[in-house]
């Protein structure tokens, strides 16, 4: 609800989520969330990328064939 103050633990969680997703979108320009080891973040990034790529490939197989591996 607008105007309703957030509880401190909610703020902490939302700040964590913002940093976590920011690092996924831009690993070089956004710091990793505190408390998340680099190795775990790398695994999460790879799983997310592979899932999204799998969805796109299943829905748009012709696009990959046209674009080729380099641009895909």
PDB file of N, CA and C in Angstrom:
ATOM      1  N   UNK A   1       0.829  -1.180   0.000  1.00  0.00           N
ATOM      2  CA  UNK A   1       0.000   0.000   0.000  1.00  0.00           C
ATOM      3  C   UNK A   1       0.875   1.244   0.000  1.00  0.00           C
ATOM      4  N   UNK A   2       0.549   2.212  -0.852  1.00  0.00           N
ATOM      5  CA  UNK A   2       1.333   3.445  -0.857  1.00  0.00           C
ATOM      6  C   UNK A   2       1.192   4.185   0.471  1.00  0.00           C
ATOM      7  N   UNK A   3       2.263   4.804   0.899  1.00  0.00           N
ATOM      8  CA  UNK A   3       2.228   5.581   2.113  1.00  0.00           C
ATOM      9  C   UNK A   3       2.416   4.779   3.387  1.00  0.00           C
ATOM     10  N   UNK A   4       2.378   3.488   3.273  1.00  0.00           N
ATOM     11  CA  UNK A   4       2.535   2.631   4.453  1.00  0.00           C
ATOM     12  C   UNK A   4       4.019   2.314   4.628  1.00  0.00           C
ATOM     13  N   UNK A   5       4.599   2.631   5.774  1.00  0.00           N
ATOM     14  CA  UNK A   5       6.030   2.369   5.957  1.00  0.00           C
ATOM     15  C   UNK A   5       6.330   0.873   5.986  1.00  0.00           C
ATOM     16  N   UNK A   6       7.462   0.521   5.402  1.00  0.00           N
ATOM     17  CA  UNK A   6       7.877  -0.883   5.405  1.00  0.00           C
ATOM     18  C   UNK A   6       8.585  -1.211   6.709  1.00  0.00           C
ATOM     19  N   UNK A   7       8.414  -2.437   7.143  1.00  0.00           N
ATOM     20  CA  UNK A   7       9.121  -2.905   8.330  1.00  0.00           C
ATOM     21  C   UNK A   7      10.586  -3.111   7.965  1.00  0.00           C
ATOM     22  N   UNK A   8      11.502  -2.946   8.919  1.00  0.00           N
ATOM     23  CA  UNK A   8      12.934  -3.089   8.620  1.00  0.00           C
ATOM     24  C   UNK A   8      13.297  -4.417   7.977  1.00  0.00           C
ATOM     25  N   UNK A   9      12.721  -5.537   8.444  1.00  0.00           N
ATOM     26  CA  UNK A   9      13.085  -6.828   7.840  1.00  0.00           C
ATOM     27  C   UNK A   9      12.587  -6.931   6.409  1.00  0.00           C
ATOM     28  N   UNK A  10      11.465  -6.264   6.096  1.00  0.00           N
ATOM     29  CA  UNK A  10      10.966  -6.249   4.722  1.00  0.00           C
ATOM     30  C   UNK A  10      11.908  -5.437   3.849  1.00  0.00           C
ATOM     31  N   UNK A  11      12.370  -4.307   4.368  1.00  0.00           N
ATOM     32  CA  UNK A  11      13.313  -3.487   3.615  1.00  0.00           C
ATOM     33  C   UNK A  11      14.581  -4.272   3.321  1.00  0.00           C
ATOM     34  N   UNK A  12      15.088  -4.966   4.322  1.00  0.00           N
ATOM     35  CA  UNK A  12      16.302  -5.748   4.125  1.00  0.00           C
ATOM     36  C   UNK A  12      16.102  -6.792   3.036  1.00  0.00           C
ATOM     37  N   UNK A  13      14.968  -7.473   3.051  1.00  0.00           N
ATOM     38  CA  UNK A  13      14.704  -8.499   2.050  1.00  0.00           C
ATOM     39  C   UNK A  13      14.566  -7.877   0.666  1.00  0.00           C
ATOM     40  N   UNK A  14      13.879  -6.753   0.572  1.00  0.00           N
ATOM     41  CA  UNK A  14      13.708  -6.100  -0.722  1.00  0.00           C
ATOM     42  C   UNK A  14      15.037  -5.561  -1.242  1.00  0.00           C
ATOM     43  N   UNK A  15      15.864  -5.042  -0.362  1.00  0.00           N
ATOM     44  CA  UNK A  15      17.197  -4.590  -0.767  1.00  0.00           C
ATOM     45  C   UNK A  15      18.032  -5.771  -1.261  1.00  0.00           C
ATOM     46  N   UNK A  16      17.910  -6.906  -0.570  1.00  0.00           N
ATOM     47  CA  UNK A  16      18.617  -8.117  -0.981  1.00  0.00           C
ATOM     48  C   UNK A  16      18.160  -8.547  -2.375  1.00  0.00           C
ATOM     49  N   UNK A  17      16.837  -8.578  -2.587  1.00  0.00           N
ATOM     50  CA  UNK A  17      16.303  -8.976  -3.892  1.00  0.00           C
ATOM     51  C   UNK A  17      16.769  -8.033  -4.992  1.00  0.00           C
ATOM     52  N   UNK A  18      16.766  -6.745  -4.707  1.00  0.00           N
ATOM     53  CA  UNK A  18      17.190  -5.757  -5.706  1.00  0.00           C
ATOM     54  C   UNK A  18      18.654  -5.972  -6.088  1.00  0.00           C
ATOM     55  N   UNK A  19      19.512  -6.182  -5.105  1.00  0.00           N
ATOM     56  CA  UNK A  19      20.923  -6.431  -5.388  1.00  0.00           C
ATOM     57  C   UNK A  19      21.113  -7.761  -6.119  1.00  0.00           C
ATOM     58  N   UNK A  20      20.384  -8.783  -5.705  1.00  0.00           N
ATOM     59  CA  UNK A  20      20.495 -10.113  -6.307  1.00  0.00           C
ATOM     60  C   UNK A  20      20.115 -10.074  -7.782  1.00  0.00           C
ATOM     61  N   UNK A  21      18.948  -9.488  -8.089  1.00  0.00           N
ATOM     62  CA  UNK A  21      18.500  -9.431  -9.483  1.00  0.00           C
ATOM     63  C   UNK A  21      19.328  -8.448 -10.294  1.00  0.00           C
ATOM     64  N   UNK A  22      19.820  -7.388  -9.655  1.00  0.00           N
ATOM     65  CA  UNK A  22      20.694  -6.449 -10.361  1.00  0.00           C
ATOM     66  C   UNK A  22      21.972  -7.124 -10.814  1.00  0.00           C
ATOM     67  N   UNK A  23      22.509  -7.987  -9.967  1.00  0.00           N
ATOM     68  CA  UNK A  23      23.731  -8.710 -10.322  1.00  0.00           C
ATOM     69  C   UNK A  23      23.474  -9.730 -11.431  1.00  0.00           C
ATOM     70  N   UNK A  24      22.293 -10.318 -11.450  1.00  0.00           N
ATOM     71  CA  UNK A  24      21.954 -11.255 -12.521  1.00  0.00           C
ATOM     72  C   UNK A  24      21.889 -10.514 -13.854  1.00  0.00           C
ATOM     73  N   UNK A  25      21.251  -9.345 -13.853  1.00  0.00           N
ATOM     74  CA  UNK A  25      21.111  -8.575 -15.090  1.00  0.00           C
ATOM     75  C   UNK A  25      22.436  -7.982 -15.554  1.00  0.00           C
ATOM     76  N   UNK A  26      23.265  -7.545 -14.616  1.00  0.00           N
ATOM     77  CA  UNK A  26      24.517  -6.867 -14.963  1.00  0.00           C
ATOM     78  C   UNK A  26      25.601  -7.236 -13.951  1.00  0.00           C
ATOM     79  N   UNK A  27      26.216  -8.417 -14.112  1.00  0.00           N
ATOM     80  CA  UNK A  27      27.195  -8.880 -13.126  1.00  0.00           C
ATOM     81  C   UNK A  27      28.410  -7.958 -12.977  1.00  0.00           C
ATOM     82  N   UNK A  28      28.814  -7.298 -14.057  1.00  0.00           N
ATOM     83  CA  UNK A  28      29.988  -6.429 -13.979  1.00  0.00           C
ATOM     84  C   UNK A  28      29.654  -5.070 -13.369  1.00  0.00           C
ATOM     85  N   UNK A  29      28.425  -4.606 -13.547  1.00  0.00           N
ATOM     86  CA  UNK A  29      28.058  -3.280 -13.078  1.00  0.00           C
ATOM     87  C   UNK A  29      27.291  -3.255 -11.775  1.00  0.00           C
ATOM     88  N   UNK A  30      26.956  -4.411 -11.235  1.00  0.00           N
ATOM     89  CA  UNK A  30      26.153  -4.460 -10.011  1.00  0.00           C
ATOM     90  C   UNK A  30      26.762  -5.469  -9.044  1.00  0.00           C
ATOM     91  N   UNK A  31      26.943  -5.025  -7.822  1.00  0.00           N
ATOM     92  CA  UNK A  31      27.573  -5.891  -6.814  1.00  0.00           C
ATOM     93  C   UNK A  31      26.676  -7.070  -6.450  1.00  0.00           C
ATOM     94  N   UNK A  32      27.300  -8.165  -6.105  1.00  0.00           N
ATOM     95  CA  UNK A  32      26.592  -9.360  -5.647  1.00  0.00           C
ATOM     96  C   UNK A  32      25.972  -9.075  -4.281  1.00  0.00           C
ATOM     97  N   UNK A  33      24.848  -9.705  -3.998  1.00  0.00           N
ATOM     98  CA  UNK A  33      24.197  -9.544  -2.693  1.00  0.00           C
ATOM     99  C   UNK A  33      25.132 -10.007  -1.583  1.00  0.00           C
ATOM    100  N   UNK A  34      25.103  -9.306  -0.479  1.00  0.00           N
ATOM    101  CA  UNK A  34      25.922  -9.696   0.670  1.00  0.00           C
ATOM    102  C   UNK A  34      25.465 -11.063   1.164  1.00  0.00           C
ATOM    103  N   UNK A  35      26.428 -11.905   1.459  1.00  0.00           N
ATOM    104  CA  UNK A  35      26.109 -13.227   1.983  1.00  0.00           C
ATOM    105  C   UNK A  35      25.931 -14.297   0.924  1.00  0.00           C
ATOM    106  N   UNK A  36      26.035 -13.931  -0.359  1.00  0.00           N
ATOM    107  CA  UNK A  36      25.900 -14.923  -1.429  1.00  0.00           C
ATOM    108  C   UNK A  36      27.292 -15.161  -2.016  1.00  0.00           C
ATOM    109  N   UNK A  37      27.864 -16.344  -1.816  1.00  0.00           N
ATOM    110  CA  UNK A  37      29.188 -16.635  -2.364  1.00  0.00           C
ATOM    111  C   UNK A  37      29.192 -16.575  -3.895  1.00  0.00           C
ATOM    112  N   UNK A  38      30.319 -16.156  -4.454  1.00  0.00           N
ATOM    113  CA  UNK A  38      30.448 -16.019  -5.908  1.00  0.00           C
ATOM    114  C   UNK A  38      30.132 -17.333  -6.621  1.00  0.00           C
ATOM    115  N   UNK A  39      30.572 -18.442  -6.056  1.00  0.00           N
ATOM    116  CA  UNK A  39      30.336 -19.748  -6.689  1.00  0.00           C
ATOM    117  C   UNK A  39      28.841 -20.037  -6.793  1.00  0.00           C
ATOM    118  N   UNK A  40      28.095 -19.740  -5.740  1.00  0.00           N
ATOM    119  CA  UNK A  40      26.644 -19.984  -5.764  1.00  0.00           C
ATOM    120  C   UNK A  40      25.952 -19.051  -6.744  1.00  0.00           C
ATOM    121  N   UNK A  41      26.405 -17.818  -6.802  1.00  0.00           N
ATOM    122  CA  UNK A  41      25.801 -16.860  -7.728  1.00  0.00           C
ATOM    123  C   UNK A  41      26.043 -17.307  -9.170  1.00  0.00           C
ATOM    124  N   UNK A  42      27.231 -17.828  -9.430  1.00  0.00           N
ATOM    125  CA  UNK A  42      27.553 -18.311 -10.773  1.00  0.00           C
ATOM    126  C   UNK A  42      26.638 -19.476 -11.161  1.00  0.00           C
ATOM    127  N   UNK A  43      26.420 -20.404 -10.243  1.00  0.00           N
ATOM    128  CA  UNK A  43      25.523 -21.537 -10.507  1.00  0.00           C
ATOM    129  C   UNK A  43      24.114 -21.029 -10.803  1.00  0.00           C
ATOM    130  N   UNK A  44      23.627 -20.098 -10.003  1.00  0.00           N
ATOM    131  CA  UNK A  44      22.284 -19.549 -10.209  1.00  0.00           C
ATOM    132  C   UNK A  44      22.188 -18.866 -11.570  1.00  0.00           C
ATOM    133  N   UNK A  45      23.195 -18.061 -11.925  1.00  0.00           N
ATOM    134  CA  UNK A  45      23.197 -17.384 -13.228  1.00  0.00           C
ATOM    135  C   UNK A  45      23.152 -18.384 -14.374  1.00  0.00           C
ATOM    136  N   UNK A  46      23.944 -19.440 -14.276  1.00  0.00           N
ATOM    137  CA  UNK A  46      23.972 -20.446 -15.338  1.00  0.00           C
ATOM    138  C   UNK A  46      22.636 -21.171 -15.453  1.00  0.00           C
ATOM    139  N   UNK A  47      22.040 -21.532 -14.321  1.00  0.00           N
ATOM    140  CA  UNK A  47      20.741 -22.211 -14.357  1.00  0.00           C
ATOM    141  C   UNK A  47      19.668 -21.311 -14.960  1.00  0.00           C
ATOM    142  N   UNK A  48      19.652 -20.057 -14.550  1.00  0.00           N
ATOM    143  CA  UNK A  48      18.667 -19.118 -15.083  1.00  0.00           C
ATOM    144  C   UNK A  48      18.859 -18.931 -16.586  1.00  0.00           C
ATOM    145  N   UNK A  49      20.096 -18.719 -17.013  1.00  0.00           N
ATOM    146  CA  UNK A  49      20.384 -18.538 -18.437  1.00  0.00           C
ATOM    147  C   UNK A  49      19.962 -19.771 -19.238  1.00  0.00           C
ATOM    148  N   UNK A  50      20.325 -20.947 -18.759  1.00  0.00           N
ATOM    149  CA  UNK A  50      19.985 -22.174 -19.484  1.00  0.00           C
ATOM    150  C   UNK A  50      18.477 -22.379 -19.578  1.00  0.00           C
ATOM    151  N   UNK A  51      17.746 -22.050 -18.513  1.00  0.00           N
ATOM    152  CA  UNK A  51      16.285 -22.176 -18.557  1.00  0.00           C
ATOM    153  C   UNK A  51      15.672 -21.212 -19.558  1.00  0.00           C
ATOM    154  N   UNK A  52      16.104 -19.963 -19.530  1.00  0.00           N
ATOM    155  CA  UNK A  52      15.560 -18.972 -20.468  1.00  0.00           C
ATOM    156  C   UNK A  52      15.911 -19.362 -21.897  1.00  0.00           C
ATOM    157  N   UNK A  53      17.157 -19.776 -22.117  1.00  0.00           N
ATOM    158  CA  UNK A  53      17.553 -20.198 -23.459  1.00  0.00           C
ATOM    159  C   UNK A  53      16.722 -21.399 -23.914  1.00  0.00           C
ATOM    160  N   UNK A  54      16.464 -22.337 -23.016  1.00  0.00           N
ATOM    161  CA  UNK A  54      15.647 -23.500 -23.356  1.00  0.00           C
ATOM    162  C   UNK A  54      14.231 -23.118 -23.746  1.00  0.00           C
ATOM    163  N   UNK A  55      13.634 -22.168 -23.005  1.00  0.00           N
ATOM    164  CA  UNK A  55      12.286 -21.694 -23.347  1.00  0.00           C
ATOM    165  C   UNK A  55      12.281 -21.041 -24.721  1.00  0.00           C
ATOM    166  N   UNK A  56      13.266 -20.181 -24.968  1.00  0.00           N
ATOM    167  CA  UNK A  56      13.326 -19.484 -26.256  1.00  0.00           C
ATOM    168  C   UNK A  56      13.559 -20.458 -27.402  1.00  0.00           C
ATOM    169  N   UNK A  57      14.448 -21.411 -27.201  1.00  0.00           N
ATOM    170  CA  UNK A  57      14.729 -22.392 -28.246  1.00  0.00           C
ATOM    171  C   UNK A  57      13.504 -23.235 -28.551  1.00  0.00           C
ATOM    172  N   UNK A  58      12.763 -23.608 -27.517  1.00  0.00           N
ATOM    173  CA  UNK A  58      11.550 -24.410 -27.726  1.00  0.00           C
ATOM    174  C   UNK A  58      10.482 -23.618 -28.477  1.00  0.00           C
ATOM    175  N   UNK A  59      10.412 -22.327 -28.218  1.00  0.00           N
ATOM    176  CA  UNK A  59       9.371 -21.499 -28.847  1.00  0.00           C
ATOM    177  C   UNK A  59       9.800 -20.934 -30.197  1.00  0.00           C
ATOM    178  N   UNK A  60      11.095 -20.706 -30.372  1.00  0.00           N
ATOM    179  CA  UNK A  60      11.572 -20.052 -31.591  1.00  0.00           C
ATOM    180  C   UNK A  60      12.760 -20.791 -32.212  1.00  0.00           C
ATOM    181  N   UNK A  61      12.603 -22.064 -32.588  1.00  0.00           N
ATOM    182  CA  UNK A  61      13.742 -22.812 -33.133  1.00  0.00           C
ATOM    183  C   UNK A  61      14.247 -22.250 -34.457  1.00  0.00           C
ATOM    184  N   UNK A  62      13.365 -21.664 -35.243  1.00  0.00           N
ATOM    185  CA  UNK A  62      13.771 -21.113 -36.538  1.00  0.00           C
ATOM    186  C   UNK A  62      14.677 -19.901 -36.340  1.00  0.00           C
ATOM    187  N   UNK A  63      14.404 -19.104 -35.316  1.00  0.00           N
ATOM    188  CA  UNK A  63      15.242 -17.927 -35.039  1.00  0.00           C
ATOM    189  C   UNK A  63      16.690 -18.335 -34.795  1.00  0.00           C
ATOM    190  N   UNK A  64      16.892 -19.394 -34.033  1.00  0.00           N
ATOM    191  CA  UNK A  64      18.259 -19.839 -33.764  1.00  0.00           C
ATOM    192  C   UNK A  64      18.932 -20.301 -35.050  1.00  0.00           C
ATOM    193  N   UNK A  65      18.182 -20.999 -35.888  1.00  0.00           N
ATOM    194  CA  UNK A  65      18.745 -21.468 -37.154  1.00  0.00           C
ATOM    195  C   UNK A  65      19.130 -20.290 -38.046  1.00  0.00           C
ATOM    196  N   UNK A  66      18.306 -19.261 -38.061  1.00  0.00           N
ATOM    197  CA  UNK A  66      18.580 -18.087 -38.902  1.00  0.00           C
ATOM    198  C   UNK A  66      19.735 -17.265 -38.332  1.00  0.00           C
ATOM    199  N   UNK A  67      19.728 -17.041 -37.025  1.00  0.00           N
ATOM    200  CA  UNK A  67      20.750 -16.203 -36.396  1.00  0.00           C
ATOM    201  C   UNK A  67      22.110 -16.879 -36.315  1.00  0.00           C
ATOM    202  N   UNK A  68      22.132 -18.181 -36.144  1.00  0.00           N
ATOM    203  CA  UNK A  68      23.387 -18.887 -35.931  1.00  0.00           C
ATOM    204  C   UNK A  68      23.791 -18.834 -34.467  1.00  0.00           C
ATOM    205  N   UNK A  69      24.717 -19.682 -34.081  1.00  0.00           N
ATOM    206  CA  UNK A  69      25.106 -19.812 -32.673  1.00  0.00           C
ATOM    207  C   UNK A  69      25.699 -18.528 -32.102  1.00  0.00           C
ATOM    208  N   UNK A  70      26.493 -17.814 -32.894  1.00  0.00           N
ATOM    209  CA  UNK A  70      27.155 -16.607 -32.399  1.00  0.00           C
ATOM    210  C   UNK A  70      26.202 -15.514 -31.977  1.00  0.00           C
ATOM    211  N   UNK A  71      25.177 -15.270 -32.766  1.00  0.00           N
ATOM    212  CA  UNK A  71      24.212 -14.218 -32.448  1.00  0.00           C
ATOM    213  C   UNK A  71      23.124 -14.712 -31.511  1.00  0.00           C
ATOM    214  N   UNK A  72      22.881 -16.014 -31.484  1.00  0.00           N
ATOM    215  CA  UNK A  72      21.854 -16.570 -30.606  1.00  0.00           C
ATOM    216  C   UNK A  72      22.271 -16.368 -29.170  1.00  0.00           C
TER     217      UNK A  72
END
